[in-house]
Every structure is written in C-alpha cells, then in structure tokens.
Amino acid sequence: MTDSDSYFPPDLLIEILLRLPVKSLIRFTVVSKSWHSLITSFSFISTHLAQTPPSNTLLVRRYVHTRNKKSTMRCFKTFITLPLPSIRPQSPHMFVLGFGADLPEKDDYKLVRLVYHKNAHGFMWSQAFLNELAVWIAFDVVANGGIRSLIMSFSIADEVFGEIMLPDALVGEIATELSIMLFEESLAVVKYEREIDGGSCEVWVMKHYGVLESWSRLYRINLVADMEKVVGFRSNGEVLFSTKSSELVSYDPNSGHKMDLGIHGSSRSFYIQVHGIT
C-alpha cells in the first residue's frame, strides 16, 4: 500500500471498493499501482462478481472484417490481437471460434478455433457457453448420405470434444436453419421455418443437460414486423431479435410489443450473453 492508501485499513478499503460499480473500479485502477493490482486481481474480481446484483446489461459481440483477418478479443478497454493460426488447410474451409473460462480451478481463459471443410451443407456459426462447455450447432453425414444435425461440445477444462443429441423433431433439420443459445440456465435451440411472408420459429429447451428425453418445445413465434433471427432471451420473458433492417429489438411474445434497443448489425454479427436482464 502507498501513503495514499494509509488512510484506510486494507480490509476496509477492499469492502468499500467491492461496493462500487465496474465503471468506477476501472477509473480507480489508475490511482496507484497497489489499487490497480488489487482491482485487477482474480480474487477481487471473483468476489465482486459474486455479490453484484443482476443489472440491465447486454454484452454484445459484433464481428468486424479487417484486412489482415486476425481475430481480436475485447475486454473492457484492452484489445488483444491473436496471431494467425499455423494450421492452414489448402481446400476451401470455414472456421468458428469458441471462448470460455476454466474457473475457479485454474483461473485460465481459452480460445478454441474449429476448422472444417466448406461444402454445400452450410456452415457452423451458432454457439453458446454453458457449464464450462463451448457448444455449437453442427452436422454429420450419415451412412445413407443424409445429414444429421447435432450439438458439438468442447470442455474448456478437459479440452475434450463431445456430442449432444437433438430431439427427433430437430435432428433431420438443416444445421443452418437451427441456432443454439441459452434460455435461463438451459441449452435452447431455435428452429426456423422460412416463408415468403416471414415464416416462424420454434424454441426448444433441454431442461436437464445431456438428457435426450428432457428436450421440449417451449413455444412458436411468428416472424412478423421485420423480425429475422432470435439472438437471445431476457429474464422478463422477452425475446431478442435481429431484424432485416439490421436492428436489435426486444420482443414481447405475449403482447406483441417490439422495442428498438439502438444496436445495429447484421443478423450473423450478433452474439449476446445475457447477465441478469430484467
């Protein structure tokens, strides 16, 4: 502690800082080296996160194309540019990223990059993170030449891939017509039925992780008022949609009310992690 810290006992200082919002804590990291070390420490961040009440906050990731095609991760005001991968397939291919944390055992953050052959069956894009697992909607070619949609998982802690089966109503669907996300604390898959006048979508939820029989259809939503794709759910029951006019809106399936959130981007650019939204 420096002289400026000596006015407060260390325990009292920590208690005061733990009660402050994140924006204030970020500003206070420049007060002194000791404050910076304290506020950015894993133990302080974990304690602050555990006791912070739910807030009306959306964390939105939007992909931006750059000339060097490097991947950039943003955390607060710090940007980390990842190097280009050493494995570069020669055939036409696609890739998808997954990011997660191995906490609290190792205090370790990991990024996984999946590379797969590009073909006429589409590509993986939809992803989510649950119980230290990064998960994606994927597909597999079965013996008769058909396509089987499924969920592929990657354990951040063990670095092991796995598969999660979809219900019969979804397994035969094209992977590009499915998207995965979280509904409360469960995995959810949205199935789209496209039509000229908009179509509809069905929301399926796996109530017990890994239990095939626990899949159930939650509800069906007609894609009206320019709505294009579900990107998340709010704790108040509203659904977050991207629109054909490149907006992010909050939609109440009971009343049909739609609210523009003032966030813009293409439907494929949005990835939303919900933190206690009311």
C-alpha atoms as a PDB file:
ATOM      1  CA  MET A   1       0.000   0.000   0.000  1.00  0.00           C
ATOM      2  CA  THR A   2       1.138   3.554  -0.737  1.00  0.00           C
ATOM      3  CA  ASP A   3       0.823   6.602   1.505  1.00  0.00           C
ATOM      4  CA  SER A   4      -2.468   7.487  -0.179  1.00  0.00           C
ATOM      5  CA  ASP A   5      -3.835   4.122   0.970  1.00  0.00           C
ATOM      6  CA  SER A   6      -2.774   4.507   4.601  1.00  0.00           C
ATOM      7  CA  TYR A   7      -5.916   6.456   5.489  1.00  0.00           C
ATOM      8  CA  PHE A   8      -7.918   3.244   5.266  1.00  0.00           C
ATOM      9  CA  PRO A   9      -7.116  -0.180   6.715  1.00  0.00           C
ATOM     10  CA  PRO A  10      -6.693  -2.668   3.839  1.00  0.00           C
ATOM     11  CA  ASP A  11      -9.793  -4.679   4.807  1.00  0.00           C
ATOM     12  CA  LEU A  12     -11.946  -1.549   4.919  1.00  0.00           C
ATOM     13  CA  LEU A  13     -10.612  -0.368   1.560  1.00  0.00           C
ATOM     14  CA  ILE A  14     -11.493  -3.696  -0.040  1.00  0.00           C
ATOM     15  CA  GLU A  15     -15.011  -3.582   1.431  1.00  0.00           C
ATOM     16  CA  ILE A  16     -15.531  -0.073   0.015  1.00  0.00           C
ATOM     17  CA  LEU A  17     -14.238  -0.984  -3.437  1.00  0.00           C
ATOM     18  CA  LEU A  18     -16.368  -4.133  -3.577  1.00  0.00           C
ATOM     19  CA  ARG A  19     -19.492  -1.978  -3.304  1.00  0.00           C
ATOM     20  CA  LEU A  20     -18.617   0.181  -6.323  1.00  0.00           C
ATOM     21  CA  PRO A  21     -19.843  -0.363  -9.910  1.00  0.00           C
ATOM     22  CA  VAL A  22     -17.479  -1.672 -12.570  1.00  0.00           C
ATOM     23  CA  LYS A  23     -17.155   1.678 -14.364  1.00  0.00           C
ATOM     24  CA  SER A  24     -15.865   3.313 -11.158  1.00  0.00           C
ATOM     25  CA  LEU A  25     -13.448   0.458 -10.497  1.00  0.00           C
ATOM     26  CA  ILE A  26     -11.961   0.800 -13.977  1.00  0.00           C
ATOM     27  CA  ARG A  27     -11.286   4.501 -13.346  1.00  0.00           C
ATOM     28  CA  PHE A  28      -9.753   3.761  -9.935  1.00  0.00           C
ATOM     29  CA  THR A  29      -7.163   1.368 -11.376  1.00  0.00           C
ATOM     30  CA  VAL A  30      -5.047   4.444 -12.237  1.00  0.00           C
ATOM     31  CA  VAL A  31      -4.998   5.763  -8.640  1.00  0.00           C
ATOM     32  CA  SER A  32      -1.911   3.761  -7.745  1.00  0.00           C
ATOM     33  CA  LYS A  33      -0.094   0.542  -8.566  1.00  0.00           C
ATOM     34  CA  SER A  34      -1.481  -1.106  -5.432  1.00  0.00           C
ATOM     35  CA  TRP A  35      -5.058  -0.194  -6.367  1.00  0.00           C
ATOM     36  CA  HIS A  36      -4.501  -1.497  -9.896  1.00  0.00           C
ATOM     37  CA  SER A  37      -3.086  -4.754  -8.552  1.00  0.00           C
ATOM     38  CA  LEU A  38      -5.992  -5.159  -6.126  1.00  0.00           C
ATOM     39  CA  ILE A  39      -8.836  -4.317  -8.507  1.00  0.00           C
ATOM     40  CA  THR A  40      -7.491  -6.484 -11.351  1.00  0.00           C
ATOM     41  CA  SER A  41      -6.701  -9.477  -9.133  1.00  0.00           C
ATOM     42  CA  PHE A  42      -8.634 -12.695  -9.709  1.00  0.00           C
ATOM     43  CA  SER A  43      -9.835 -12.914  -6.091  1.00  0.00           C
ATOM     44  CA  PHE A  44     -11.231  -9.359  -6.116  1.00  0.00           C
ATOM     45  CA  ILE A  45     -12.957  -9.805  -9.492  1.00  0.00           C
ATOM     46  CA  SER A  46     -14.494 -13.115  -8.393  1.00  0.00           C
ATOM     47  CA  THR A  47     -15.760 -11.656  -5.113  1.00  0.00           C
ATOM     48  CA  HIS A  48     -17.148  -8.544  -6.815  1.00  0.00           C
ATOM     49  CA  LEU A  49     -18.919 -10.624  -9.473  1.00  0.00           C
ATOM     50  CA  ALA A  50     -20.435 -12.976  -6.877  1.00  0.00           C
ATOM     51  CA  GLN A  51     -22.012 -10.182  -4.851  1.00  0.00           C
ATOM     52  CA  THR A  52     -23.051  -7.887  -7.714  1.00  0.00           C
ATOM     53  CA  PRO A  53     -26.849  -7.854  -8.174  1.00  0.00           C
ATOM     54  CA  PRO A  54     -28.286  -8.520 -11.654  1.00  0.00           C
ATOM     55  CA  SER A  55     -28.168  -5.449 -13.870  1.00  0.00           C
ATOM     56  CA  ASN A  56     -29.926  -4.378 -17.042  1.00  0.00           C
ATOM     57  CA  THR A  57     -26.852  -5.022 -19.183  1.00  0.00           C
ATOM     58  CA  LEU A  58     -26.279  -6.676 -22.540  1.00  0.00           C
ATOM     59  CA  LEU A  59     -22.868  -7.866 -23.645  1.00  0.00           C
ATOM     60  CA  VAL A  60     -22.827  -7.832 -27.432  1.00  0.00           C
ATOM     61  CA  ARG A  61     -20.089  -9.152 -29.695  1.00  0.00           C
ATOM     62  CA  ARG A  62     -20.097  -7.971 -33.298  1.00  0.00           C
ATOM     63  CA  TYR A  63     -17.688  -9.288 -35.937  1.00  0.00           C
ATOM     64  CA  VAL A  64     -15.804  -6.694 -37.956  1.00  0.00           C
ATOM     65  CA  HIS A  65     -13.866  -7.655 -41.090  1.00  0.00           C
ATOM     66  CA  THR A  66     -10.253  -6.483 -41.190  1.00  0.00           C
ATOM     67  CA  ARG A  67      -7.681  -6.678 -43.943  1.00  0.00           C
ATOM     68  CA  ASN A  68      -5.215  -8.818 -42.011  1.00  0.00           C
ATOM     69  CA  LYS A  69      -8.046 -11.201 -40.993  1.00  0.00           C
ATOM     70  CA  LYS A  70      -6.663 -11.538 -37.487  1.00  0.00           C
ATOM     71  CA  SER A  71      -9.031 -12.207 -34.595  1.00  0.00           C
ATOM     72  CA  THR A  72      -9.420  -9.551 -31.913  1.00  0.00           C
ATOM     73  CA  MET A  73     -10.868 -10.104 -28.444  1.00  0.00           C
ATOM     74  CA  ARG A  74     -12.030  -7.117 -26.363  1.00  0.00           C
ATOM     75  CA  CYS A  75     -12.131  -6.980 -22.569  1.00  0.00           C
ATOM     76  CA  PHE A  76     -13.083  -3.584 -21.114  1.00  0.00           C
ATOM     77  CA  LYS A  77     -10.644  -1.217 -22.851  1.00  0.00           C
ATOM     78  CA  THR A  78      -7.944  -3.766 -23.639  1.00  0.00           C
ATOM     79  CA  PHE A  79      -7.626  -5.293 -27.117  1.00  0.00           C
ATOM     80  CA  ILE A  80      -5.689  -8.493 -27.665  1.00  0.00           C
ATOM     81  CA  THR A  81      -4.847  -9.455 -31.242  1.00  0.00           C
ATOM     82  CA  LEU A  82      -4.449 -13.180 -31.754  1.00  0.00           C
ATOM     83  CA  PRO A  83      -1.786 -14.461 -34.165  1.00  0.00           C
ATOM     84  CA  LEU A  84      -2.750 -16.172 -37.387  1.00  0.00           C
ATOM     85  CA  PRO A  85      -3.073 -19.965 -36.886  1.00  0.00           C
ATOM     86  CA  SER A  86      -0.214 -22.195 -38.006  1.00  0.00           C
ATOM     87  CA  ILE A  87      -2.597 -24.807 -39.476  1.00  0.00           C
ATOM     88  CA  ARG A  88      -3.998 -23.573 -42.797  1.00  0.00           C
ATOM     89  CA  PRO A  89      -5.928 -26.157 -44.849  1.00  0.00           C
ATOM     90  CA  GLN A  90      -5.439 -25.966 -48.605  1.00  0.00           C
ATOM     91  CA  SER A  91      -9.006 -26.935 -49.517  1.00  0.00           C
ATOM     92  CA  PRO A  92     -11.910 -24.462 -49.163  1.00  0.00           C
ATOM     93  CA  HIS A  93     -12.726 -24.266 -45.481  1.00  0.00           C
ATOM     94  CA  MET A  94     -14.550 -22.356 -42.781  1.00  0.00           C
ATOM     95  CA  PHE A  95     -13.727 -21.766 -39.133  1.00  0.00           C
ATOM     96  CA  VAL A  96     -15.571 -20.853 -35.948  1.00  0.00           C
ATOM     97  CA  LEU A  97     -14.274 -19.607 -32.596  1.00  0.00           C
ATOM     98  CA  GLY A  98     -15.238 -20.550 -29.042  1.00  0.00           C
ATOM     99  CA  PHE A  99     -14.135 -18.653 -25.954  1.00  0.00           C
ATOM    100  CA  GLY A 100     -14.510 -19.764 -22.331  1.00  0.00           C
ATOM    101  CA  ALA A 101     -13.009 -19.784 -18.859  1.00  0.00           C
ATOM    102  CA  ASP A 102     -11.743 -22.672 -16.740  1.00  0.00           C
ATOM    103  CA  LEU A 103     -12.733 -21.212 -13.362  1.00  0.00           C
ATOM    104  CA  PRO A 104     -12.139 -21.384 -10.476  1.00  0.00           C
ATOM    105  CA  GLU A 105      -9.704 -24.300 -10.662  1.00  0.00           C
ATOM    106  CA  LYS A 106      -7.048 -22.767 -12.924  1.00  0.00           C
ATOM    107  CA  ASP A 107      -8.105 -19.145 -13.480  1.00  0.00           C
ATOM    108  CA  ASP A 108      -7.468 -19.866 -17.162  1.00  0.00           C
ATOM    109  CA  TYR A 109      -9.112 -18.497 -20.308  1.00  0.00           C
ATOM    110  CA  LYS A 110      -9.041 -20.460 -23.553  1.00  0.00           C
ATOM    111  CA  LEU A 111      -9.903 -19.851 -27.172  1.00  0.00           C
ATOM    112  CA  VAL A 112     -10.692 -22.793 -29.459  1.00  0.00           C
ATOM    113  CA  ARG A 113     -10.691 -22.471 -33.250  1.00  0.00           C
ATOM    114  CA  LEU A 114     -12.505 -25.134 -35.267  1.00  0.00           C
ATOM    115  CA  VAL A 115     -11.616 -25.540 -38.930  1.00  0.00           C
ATOM    116  CA  TYR A 116     -13.795 -27.643 -41.223  1.00  0.00           C
ATOM    117  CA  HIS A 117     -14.264 -28.241 -44.931  1.00  0.00           C
ATOM    118  CA  LYS A 118     -16.636 -25.917 -46.738  1.00  0.00           C
ATOM    119  CA  ASN A 119     -19.370 -27.703 -48.688  1.00  0.00           C
ATOM    120  CA  ALA A 120     -22.941 -27.361 -49.866  1.00  0.00           C
ATOM    121  CA  HIS A 121     -24.424 -28.317 -46.490  1.00  0.00           C
ATOM    122  CA  GLY A 122     -23.689 -24.938 -44.913  1.00  0.00           C
ATOM    123  CA  PHE A 123     -21.518 -23.920 -42.002  1.00  0.00           C
ATOM    124  CA  MET A 124     -21.408 -23.702 -38.222  1.00  0.00           C
ATOM    125  CA  TRP A 125     -22.000 -20.269 -36.766  1.00  0.00           C
ATOM    126  CA  SER A 126     -24.351 -20.539 -33.810  1.00  0.00           C
ATOM    127  CA  GLN A 127     -22.635 -21.126 -30.466  1.00  0.00           C
ATOM    128  CA  ALA A 128     -23.144 -20.831 -26.700  1.00  0.00           C
ATOM    129  CA  PHE A 129     -21.297 -21.422 -23.425  1.00  0.00           C
ATOM    130  CA  LEU A 130     -22.683 -23.458 -20.508  1.00  0.00           C
ATOM    131  CA  ASN A 131     -21.119 -25.296 -17.553  1.00  0.00           C
ATOM    132  CA  GLU A 132     -17.540 -24.724 -18.812  1.00  0.00           C
ATOM    133  CA  LEU A 133     -18.542 -26.104 -22.217  1.00  0.00           C
ATOM    134  CA  ALA A 134     -18.431 -24.273 -25.529  1.00  0.00           C
ATOM    135  CA  VAL A 135     -21.189 -25.667 -27.770  1.00  0.00           C
ATOM    136  CA  TRP A 136     -22.089 -25.275 -31.446  1.00  0.00           C
ATOM    137  CA  ILE A 137     -24.792 -26.427 -33.831  1.00  0.00           C
ATOM    138  CA  ALA A 138     -23.072 -28.838 -36.208  1.00  0.00           C
ATOM    139  CA  PHE A 139     -23.940 -31.581 -38.686  1.00  0.00           C
ATOM    140  CA  ASP A 140     -22.701 -35.008 -39.668  1.00  0.00           C
ATOM    141  CA  VAL A 141     -23.068 -37.065 -42.854  1.00  0.00           C
ATOM    142  CA  VAL A 142     -24.731 -40.398 -42.090  1.00  0.00           C
ATOM    143  CA  ALA A 143     -24.242 -43.738 -43.890  1.00  0.00           C
ATOM    144  CA  ASN A 144     -27.011 -43.224 -46.466  1.00  0.00           C
ATOM    145  CA  GLY A 145     -25.599 -39.846 -47.479  1.00  0.00           C
ATOM    146  CA  GLY A 146     -28.113 -37.856 -45.481  1.00  0.00           C
ATOM    147  CA  ILE A 147     -27.411 -35.132 -42.925  1.00  0.00           C
ATOM    148  CA  ARG A 148     -27.780 -35.426 -39.166  1.00  0.00           C
ATOM    149  CA  SER A 149     -27.805 -32.221 -37.133  1.00  0.00           C
ATOM    150  CA  LEU A 150     -26.398 -32.301 -33.617  1.00  0.00           C
ATOM    151  CA  ILE A 151     -24.695 -30.218 -30.922  1.00  0.00           C
ATOM    152  CA  MET A 152     -20.899 -30.413 -30.681  1.00  0.00           C
ATOM    153  CA  SER A 153     -19.304 -29.502 -27.358  1.00  0.00           C
ATOM    154  CA  PHE A 154     -15.793 -28.683 -26.168  1.00  0.00           C
ATOM    155  CA  SER A 155     -14.829 -28.901 -22.498  1.00  0.00           C
ATOM    156  CA  ILE A 156     -12.730 -25.874 -21.583  1.00  0.00           C
ATOM    157  CA  ALA A 157     -11.309 -27.648 -18.523  1.00  0.00           C
ATOM    158  CA  ASP A 158     -10.518 -31.058 -20.066  1.00  0.00           C
ATOM    159  CA  GLU A 159     -10.067 -29.943 -23.713  1.00  0.00           C
ATOM    160  CA  VAL A 160     -12.251 -32.833 -24.887  1.00  0.00           C
ATOM    161  CA  PHE A 161     -14.853 -32.750 -27.668  1.00  0.00           C
ATOM    162  CA  GLY A 162     -18.265 -34.362 -27.286  1.00  0.00           C
ATOM    163  CA  GLU A 163     -21.683 -34.676 -28.933  1.00  0.00           C
ATOM    164  CA  ILE A 164     -25.179 -33.903 -27.648  1.00  0.00           C
ATOM    165  CA  MET A 165     -28.125 -35.405 -29.491  1.00  0.00           C
ATOM    166  CA  LEU A 166     -31.052 -33.312 -30.666  1.00  0.00           C
ATOM    167  CA  PRO A 167     -34.704 -34.451 -30.440  1.00  0.00           C
ATOM    168  CA  ASP A 168     -36.237 -36.235 -33.423  1.00  0.00           C
ATOM    169  CA  ALA A 169     -38.049 -33.059 -34.481  1.00  0.00           C
ATOM    170  CA  LEU A 170     -34.703 -31.277 -34.973  1.00  0.00           C
ATOM    171  CA  VAL A 171     -32.159 -33.941 -35.908  1.00  0.00           C
ATOM    172  CA  GLY A 172     -33.343 -34.048 -39.535  1.00  0.00           C
ATOM    173  CA  GLU A 173     -33.289 -30.261 -39.969  1.00  0.00           C
ATOM    174  CA  ILE A 174     -30.544 -28.480 -41.917  1.00  0.00           C
ATOM    175  CA  ALA A 175     -27.986 -27.096 -39.479  1.00  0.00           C
ATOM    176  CA  THR A 176     -28.198 -23.599 -40.982  1.00  0.00           C
ATOM    177  CA  GLU A 177     -31.902 -23.483 -40.017  1.00  0.00           C
ATOM    178  CA  LEU A 178     -31.019 -24.090 -36.355  1.00  0.00           C
ATOM    179  CA  SER A 179     -29.353 -21.832 -33.802  1.00  0.00           C
ATOM    180  CA  ILE A 180     -28.201 -22.522 -30.238  1.00  0.00           C
ATOM    181  CA  MET A 181     -28.221 -20.219 -27.216  1.00  0.00           C
ATOM    182  CA  LEU A 182     -29.085 -20.170 -23.520  1.00  0.00           C
ATOM    183  CA  PHE A 183     -32.596 -19.956 -22.094  1.00  0.00           C
ATOM    184  CA  GLU A 184     -32.229 -19.145 -18.397  1.00  0.00           C
ATOM    185  CA  GLU A 185     -29.707 -21.836 -17.339  1.00  0.00           C
ATOM    186  CA  SER A 186     -30.524 -24.405 -20.036  1.00  0.00           C
ATOM    187  CA  LEU A 187     -29.499 -25.030 -23.622  1.00  0.00           C
ATOM    188  CA  ALA A 188     -32.029 -23.846 -26.183  1.00  0.00           C
ATOM    189  CA  VAL A 189     -32.245 -24.494 -29.914  1.00  0.00           C
ATOM    190  CA  VAL A 190     -34.333 -22.362 -32.269  1.00  0.00           C
ATOM    191  CA  LYS A 191     -35.734 -23.992 -35.419  1.00  0.00           C
ATOM    192  CA  TYR A 192     -36.706 -21.737 -38.330  1.00  0.00           C
ATOM    193  CA  GLU A 193     -39.357 -22.289 -40.990  1.00  0.00           C
ATOM    194  CA  ARG A 194     -38.781 -19.710 -43.714  1.00  0.00           C
ATOM    195  CA  GLU A 195     -41.603 -18.463 -45.896  1.00  0.00           C
ATOM    196  CA  ILE A 196     -42.046 -15.588 -48.335  1.00  0.00           C
ATOM    197  CA  ASP A 197     -44.113 -13.608 -45.830  1.00  0.00           C
ATOM    198  CA  GLY A 198     -41.705 -14.158 -42.930  1.00  0.00           C
ATOM    199  CA  GLY A 199     -42.280 -17.654 -41.565  1.00  0.00           C
ATOM    200  CA  SER A 200     -41.962 -18.730 -37.939  1.00  0.00           C
ATOM    201  CA  CYS A 201     -39.580 -20.214 -35.388  1.00  0.00           C
ATOM    202  CA  GLU A 202     -39.859 -22.832 -32.642  1.00  0.00           C
ATOM    203  CA  VAL A 203     -37.928 -22.645 -29.378  1.00  0.00           C
ATOM    204  CA  TRP A 204     -36.782 -25.981 -27.916  1.00  0.00           C
ATOM    205  CA  VAL A 205     -35.191 -26.275 -24.450  1.00  0.00           C
ATOM    206  CA  MET A 206     -33.104 -29.070 -22.907  1.00  0.00           C
ATOM    207  CA  LYS A 207     -34.277 -28.887 -19.280  1.00  0.00           C
ATOM    208  CA  HIS A 208     -31.671 -31.361 -17.990  1.00  0.00           C
ATOM    209  CA  TYR A 209     -28.259 -31.083 -19.633  1.00  0.00           C
ATOM    210  CA  GLY A 210     -27.226 -34.204 -21.545  1.00  0.00           C
ATOM    211  CA  VAL A 211     -30.608 -35.942 -21.114  1.00  0.00           C
ATOM    212  CA  LEU A 212     -32.136 -36.507 -24.552  1.00  0.00           C
ATOM    213  CA  GLU A 213     -35.621 -37.082 -23.140  1.00  0.00           C
ATOM    214  CA  SER A 214     -35.633 -33.661 -21.458  1.00  0.00           C
ATOM    215  CA  TRP A 215     -35.942 -31.763 -24.751  1.00  0.00           C
ATOM    216  CA  SER A 216     -39.305 -29.989 -25.031  1.00  0.00           C
ATOM    217  CA  ARG A 217     -40.818 -27.361 -27.302  1.00  0.00           C
ATOM    218  CA  LEU A 218     -41.304 -24.118 -25.393  1.00  0.00           C
ATOM    219  CA  TYR A 219     -43.312 -22.086 -27.906  1.00  0.00           C
ATOM    220  CA  ARG A 220     -43.662 -20.988 -31.515  1.00  0.00           C
ATOM    221  CA  ILE A 221     -43.256 -17.375 -32.688  1.00  0.00           C
ATOM    222  CA  ASN A 222     -44.429 -15.924 -35.984  1.00  0.00           C
ATOM    223  CA  LEU A 223     -41.706 -13.823 -37.594  1.00  0.00           C
ATOM    224  CA  VAL A 224     -43.599 -10.574 -38.040  1.00  0.00           C
ATOM    225  CA  ALA A 225     -42.654  -6.897 -38.122  1.00  0.00           C
ATOM    226  CA  ASP A 226     -39.364  -7.422 -39.991  1.00  0.00           C
ATOM    227  CA  MET A 227     -38.047  -9.936 -37.398  1.00  0.00           C
ATOM    228  CA  GLU A 228     -35.382 -12.263 -38.790  1.00  0.00           C
ATOM    229  CA  LYS A 229     -33.457 -14.219 -36.151  1.00  0.00           C
ATOM    230  CA  VAL A 230     -33.571 -14.938 -32.395  1.00  0.00           C
ATOM    231  CA  VAL A 231     -30.307 -13.932 -30.719  1.00  0.00           C
ATOM    232  CA  GLY A 232     -31.181 -14.298 -27.036  1.00  0.00           C
ATOM    233  CA  PHE A 233     -33.748 -14.292 -24.234  1.00  0.00           C
ATOM    234  CA  ARG A 234     -34.372 -11.849 -21.403  1.00  0.00           C
ATOM    235  CA  SER A 235     -35.305 -12.793 -17.825  1.00  0.00           C
ATOM    236  CA  ASN A 236     -38.561 -10.818 -18.188  1.00  0.00           C
ATOM    237  CA  GLY A 237     -39.756 -13.238 -20.893  1.00  0.00           C
ATOM    238  CA  GLU A 238     -38.954 -11.035 -23.879  1.00  0.00           C
ATOM    239  CA  VAL A 239     -37.036 -12.363 -26.888  1.00  0.00           C
ATOM    240  CA  LEU A 240     -34.127 -10.541 -28.534  1.00  0.00           C
ATOM    241  CA  PHE A 241     -34.408 -10.487 -32.326  1.00  0.00           C
ATOM    242  CA  SER A 242     -32.261  -9.180 -35.137  1.00  0.00           C
ATOM    243  CA  THR A 243     -34.286  -7.614 -37.941  1.00  0.00           C
ATOM    244  CA  LYS A 244     -33.991  -7.374 -41.702  1.00  0.00           C
ATOM    245  CA  SER A 245     -33.252  -3.674 -41.244  1.00  0.00           C
ATOM    246  CA  SER A 246     -30.118  -4.601 -39.216  1.00  0.00           C
ATOM    247  CA  GLU A 247     -31.505  -3.663 -35.791  1.00  0.00           C
ATOM    248  CA  LEU A 248     -31.545  -5.456 -32.443  1.00  0.00           C
ATOM    249  CA  VAL A 249     -35.005  -5.394 -30.864  1.00  0.00           C
ATOM    250  CA  SER A 250     -36.682  -6.774 -27.759  1.00  0.00           C
ATOM    251  CA  TYR A 251     -39.980  -8.534 -28.486  1.00  0.00           C
ATOM    252  CA  ASP A 252     -42.722  -9.494 -26.023  1.00  0.00           C
ATOM    253  CA  PRO A 253     -44.323 -12.726 -27.335  1.00  0.00           C
ATOM    254  CA  ASN A 254     -47.416 -12.149 -25.174  1.00  0.00           C
ATOM    255  CA  SER A 255     -48.292  -8.589 -26.140  1.00  0.00           C
ATOM    256  CA  GLY A 256     -46.507  -8.415 -29.497  1.00  0.00           C
ATOM    257  CA  HIS A 257     -44.776  -5.192 -28.408  1.00  0.00           C
ATOM    258  CA  LYS A 258     -41.387  -4.517 -30.022  1.00  0.00           C
ATOM    259  CA  MET A 259     -38.712  -2.149 -28.643  1.00  0.00           C
ATOM    260  CA  ASP A 260     -35.670  -0.994 -30.607  1.00  0.00           C
ATOM    261  CA  LEU A 261     -32.504  -1.261 -28.464  1.00  0.00           C
ATOM    262  CA  GLY A 262     -30.459   1.128 -30.594  1.00  0.00           C
ATOM    263  CA  ILE A 263     -27.896  -1.530 -31.579  1.00  0.00           C
ATOM    264  CA  HIS A 264     -27.246  -2.169 -35.276  1.00  0.00           C
ATOM    265  CA  GLY A 265     -25.582  -5.005 -37.219  1.00  0.00           C
ATOM    266  CA  SER A 266     -26.348  -7.940 -39.496  1.00  0.00           C
ATOM    267  CA  SER A 267     -28.173 -10.979 -38.113  1.00  0.00           C
ATOM    268  CA  ARG A 268     -24.980 -13.076 -38.249  1.00  0.00           C
ATOM    269  CA  SER A 269     -22.892 -10.484 -36.427  1.00  0.00           C
ATOM    270  CA  PHE A 270     -24.777 -10.595 -33.097  1.00  0.00           C
ATOM    271  CA  TYR A 271     -23.765 -12.805 -30.215  1.00  0.00           C
ATOM    272  CA  ILE A 272     -25.385 -11.906 -26.908  1.00  0.00           C
ATOM    273  CA  GLN A 273     -24.579 -13.146 -23.417  1.00  0.00           C
ATOM    274  CA  VAL A 274     -27.331 -12.158 -21.005  1.00  0.00           C
ATOM    275  CA  HIS A 275     -26.411 -11.167 -17.439  1.00  0.00           C
ATOM    276  CA  GLY A 276     -29.471 -10.849 -15.255  1.00  0.00           C
ATOM    277  CA  ILE A 277     -31.512  -8.694 -17.610  1.00  0.00           C
ATOM    278  CA  THR A 278     -34.871  -7.609 -16.148  1.00  0.00           C
END
